[in-house]
Amino acid sequence: RAEEFTPSYAGSSTRMDFLLPAHNLGLETKIVRDRAHGKKVGDELIIDIAHYKSHSACKYLWCVIYDPNHFIANSQGLITDLEGEHASKDGKVAVKVLIVTD
């Protein structure tokens, strides 16, 4: 199947990792490479969330972050900051965040 693109946001669009249109569900996956990336992964997801919420077939977004080396300093804070409903004039999406460490 051809990759699905999100609508343009701030002048760019991105490919979705996975979209399950029958469930209105998008899946965004991240692998934390090092400590520097552990500090930036939240910012990357904020941008991804903005893209997904403007996609008409995506009402729910699950963000799965693989961090086997525990490079994310405050994983619970990241979850708290990102989870919940994100809405704007462009649309809305309910976000769930799962950080996998083993």
C-alpha atoms as a PDB file:
ATOM      1  CA  ARG A   1       0.000   0.000   0.000  1.00  0.00           C
ATOM      2  CA  ALA A   2       1.241   3.502  -0.765  1.00  0.00           C
ATOM      3  CA  GLU A   3       2.377   5.527   2.236  1.00  0.00           C
ATOM      4  CA  GLU A   4      -0.108   8.004   3.641  1.00  0.00           C
ATOM      5  CA  PHE A   5       0.940  11.639   3.963  1.00  0.00           C
ATOM      6  CA  THR A   6      -0.338  14.086   6.540  1.00  0.00           C
ATOM      7  CA  PRO A   7      -1.701  17.425   5.381  1.00  0.00           C
ATOM      8  CA  SER A   8       0.783  20.280   5.224  1.00  0.00           C
ATOM      9  CA  TYR A   9       1.581  22.004   8.522  1.00  0.00           C
ATOM     10  CA  ALA A  10       3.982  24.957   8.770  1.00  0.00           C
ATOM     11  CA  GLY A  11       4.889  24.477   5.128  1.00  0.00           C
ATOM     12  CA  SER A  12       5.724  20.783   5.229  1.00  0.00           C
ATOM     13  CA  SER A  13       3.996  17.423   5.245  1.00  0.00           C
ATOM     14  CA  THR A  14       5.254  14.111   6.541  1.00  0.00           C
ATOM     15  CA  ARG A  15       4.668  10.411   6.004  1.00  0.00           C
ATOM     16  CA  MET A  16       2.615   8.643   8.631  1.00  0.00           C
ATOM     17  CA  ASP A  17       4.255   5.597  10.189  1.00  0.00           C
ATOM     18  CA  PHE A  18       0.958   3.700  10.235  1.00  0.00           C
ATOM     19  CA  LEU A  19      -2.664   4.646   9.587  1.00  0.00           C
ATOM     20  CA  LEU A  20      -5.535   2.284  10.300  1.00  0.00           C
ATOM     21  CA  PRO A  21      -8.453   4.145   8.681  1.00  0.00           C
ATOM     22  CA  ALA A  22     -11.044   1.558   9.739  1.00  0.00           C
ATOM     23  CA  HIS A  23     -10.262   2.577  13.340  1.00  0.00           C
ATOM     24  CA  ASN A  24      -9.385   6.258  12.727  1.00  0.00           C
ATOM     25  CA  LEU A  25      -6.053   5.410  14.361  1.00  0.00           C
ATOM     26  CA  GLY A  26      -2.566   6.642  13.576  1.00  0.00           C
ATOM     27  CA  LEU A  27       0.592   5.108  15.028  1.00  0.00           C
ATOM     28  CA  GLU A  28       3.780   7.131  15.342  1.00  0.00           C
ATOM     29  CA  THR A  29       6.921   5.235  16.354  1.00  0.00           C
ATOM     30  CA  LYS A  30      10.215   6.592  17.639  1.00  0.00           C
ATOM     31  CA  ILE A  31      13.490   4.935  18.616  1.00  0.00           C
ATOM     32  CA  VAL A  32      15.590   7.007  21.004  1.00  0.00           C
ATOM     33  CA  ARG A  33      19.137   6.861  19.638  1.00  0.00           C
ATOM     34  CA  ASP A  34      21.109   8.766  22.266  1.00  0.00           C
ATOM     35  CA  ARG A  35      20.769  11.287  25.125  1.00  0.00           C
ATOM     36  CA  ALA A  36      20.520  14.226  22.722  1.00  0.00           C
ATOM     37  CA  HIS A  37      17.646  12.561  20.889  1.00  0.00           C
ATOM     38  CA  GLY A  38      16.037  11.724  24.257  1.00  0.00           C
ATOM     39  CA  LYS A  39      15.849  15.475  24.895  1.00  0.00           C
ATOM     40  CA  LYS A  40      14.328  16.186  21.448  1.00  0.00           C
ATOM     41  CA  VAL A  41      11.833  13.341  21.031  1.00  0.00           C
ATOM     42  CA  GLY A  42       9.076  15.318  22.776  1.00  0.00           C
ATOM     43  CA  ASP A  43       9.526  18.241  20.374  1.00  0.00           C
ATOM     44  CA  GLU A  44       9.401  15.843  17.422  1.00  0.00           C
ATOM     45  CA  LEU A  45       6.138  14.390  18.700  1.00  0.00           C
ATOM     46  CA  ILE A  46       4.585  17.836  19.168  1.00  0.00           C
ATOM     47  CA  ILE A  47       5.188  18.479  15.459  1.00  0.00           C
ATOM     48  CA  ASP A  48       3.896  15.000  14.545  1.00  0.00           C
ATOM     49  CA  ILE A  49       0.727  15.548  16.600  1.00  0.00           C
ATOM     50  CA  ALA A  50       0.043  18.785  14.717  1.00  0.00           C
ATOM     51  CA  HIS A  51       0.314  16.892  11.413  1.00  0.00           C
ATOM     52  CA  TYR A  52      -1.892  13.992  12.513  1.00  0.00           C
ATOM     53  CA  LYS A  53      -4.672  16.132  13.969  1.00  0.00           C
ATOM     54  CA  SER A  54      -5.265  17.760  10.606  1.00  0.00           C
ATOM     55  CA  HIS A  55      -5.699  14.384   8.857  1.00  0.00           C
ATOM     56  CA  SER A  56      -9.401  13.582   8.390  1.00  0.00           C
ATOM     57  CA  ALA A  57      -8.955   9.800   8.870  1.00  0.00           C
ATOM     58  CA  CYS A  58      -7.045  10.127  12.164  1.00  0.00           C
ATOM     59  CA  LYS A  59      -9.014  10.764  15.358  1.00  0.00           C
ATOM     60  CA  TYR A  60      -6.699   8.794  17.654  1.00  0.00           C
ATOM     61  CA  LEU A  61      -2.909   8.758  17.748  1.00  0.00           C
ATOM     62  CA  TRP A  62      -0.761   6.294  19.617  1.00  0.00           C
ATOM     63  CA  CYS A  63       2.864   7.328  20.030  1.00  0.00           C
ATOM     64  CA  VAL A  64       5.126   4.360  20.764  1.00  0.00           C
ATOM     65  CA  ILE A  65       8.637   5.315  21.866  1.00  0.00           C
ATOM     66  CA  TYR A  66      11.318   2.642  22.184  1.00  0.00           C
ATOM     67  CA  ASP A  67      13.914   3.779  24.744  1.00  0.00           C
ATOM     68  CA  PRO A  68      15.872   0.668  25.815  1.00  0.00           C
ATOM     69  CA  ASN A  69      18.772   2.692  27.255  1.00  0.00           C
ATOM     70  CA  HIS A  70      16.574   5.076  29.281  1.00  0.00           C
ATOM     71  CA  PHE A  71      17.813   8.176  27.470  1.00  0.00           C
ATOM     72  CA  ILE A  72      14.557  10.060  28.168  1.00  0.00           C
ATOM     73  CA  ALA A  73      15.272  11.801  31.477  1.00  0.00           C
ATOM     74  CA  ASN A  74      11.651  12.322  32.568  1.00  0.00           C
ATOM     75  CA  SER A  75       9.503   9.765  30.773  1.00  0.00           C
ATOM     76  CA  GLN A  76       6.448  10.310  32.989  1.00  0.00           C
ATOM     77  CA  GLY A  77       6.619  14.065  32.364  1.00  0.00           C
ATOM     78  CA  LEU A  78       6.775  13.449  28.608  1.00  0.00           C
ATOM     79  CA  ILE A  79       3.699  11.214  28.800  1.00  0.00           C
ATOM     80  CA  THR A  80       1.794  13.732  30.926  1.00  0.00           C
ATOM     81  CA  ASP A  81       2.659  16.620  28.608  1.00  0.00           C
ATOM     82  CA  LEU A  82       1.636  14.849  25.386  1.00  0.00           C
ATOM     83  CA  GLU A  83      -1.325  12.622  26.288  1.00  0.00           C
ATOM     84  CA  GLY A  84      -4.878  13.844  25.928  1.00  0.00           C
ATOM     85  CA  GLU A  85      -6.919  15.641  23.314  1.00  0.00           C
ATOM     86  CA  HIS A  86      -5.122  18.094  21.047  1.00  0.00           C
ATOM     87  CA  ALA A  87      -7.456  20.433  19.175  1.00  0.00           C
ATOM     88  CA  SER A  88      -7.141  23.473  16.946  1.00  0.00           C
ATOM     89  CA  LYS A  89      -9.001  24.997  14.037  1.00  0.00           C
ATOM     90  CA  ASP A  90      -7.352  22.356  11.807  1.00  0.00           C
ATOM     91  CA  GLY A  91      -8.817  19.377  13.657  1.00  0.00           C
ATOM     92  CA  LYS A  92      -8.387  17.289  16.776  1.00  0.00           C
ATOM     93  CA  VAL A  93      -6.771  14.043  17.820  1.00  0.00           C
ATOM     94  CA  ALA A  94      -6.715  12.067  21.083  1.00  0.00           C
ATOM     95  CA  VAL A  95      -3.131  11.103  21.921  1.00  0.00           C
ATOM     96  CA  LYS A  96      -1.875   8.100  23.921  1.00  0.00           C
ATOM     97  CA  VAL A  97       1.865   7.742  24.647  1.00  0.00           C
ATOM     98  CA  LEU A  98       3.625   4.473  25.453  1.00  0.00           C
ATOM     99  CA  ILE A  99       7.328   4.348  26.298  1.00  0.00           C
ATOM    100  CA  VAL A 100       8.837   0.876  25.942  1.00  0.00           C
ATOM    101  CA  THR A 101      12.145   0.292  27.727  1.00  0.00           C
ATOM    102  CA  ASP A 102      12.724  -3.459  27.398  1.00  0.00           C
END
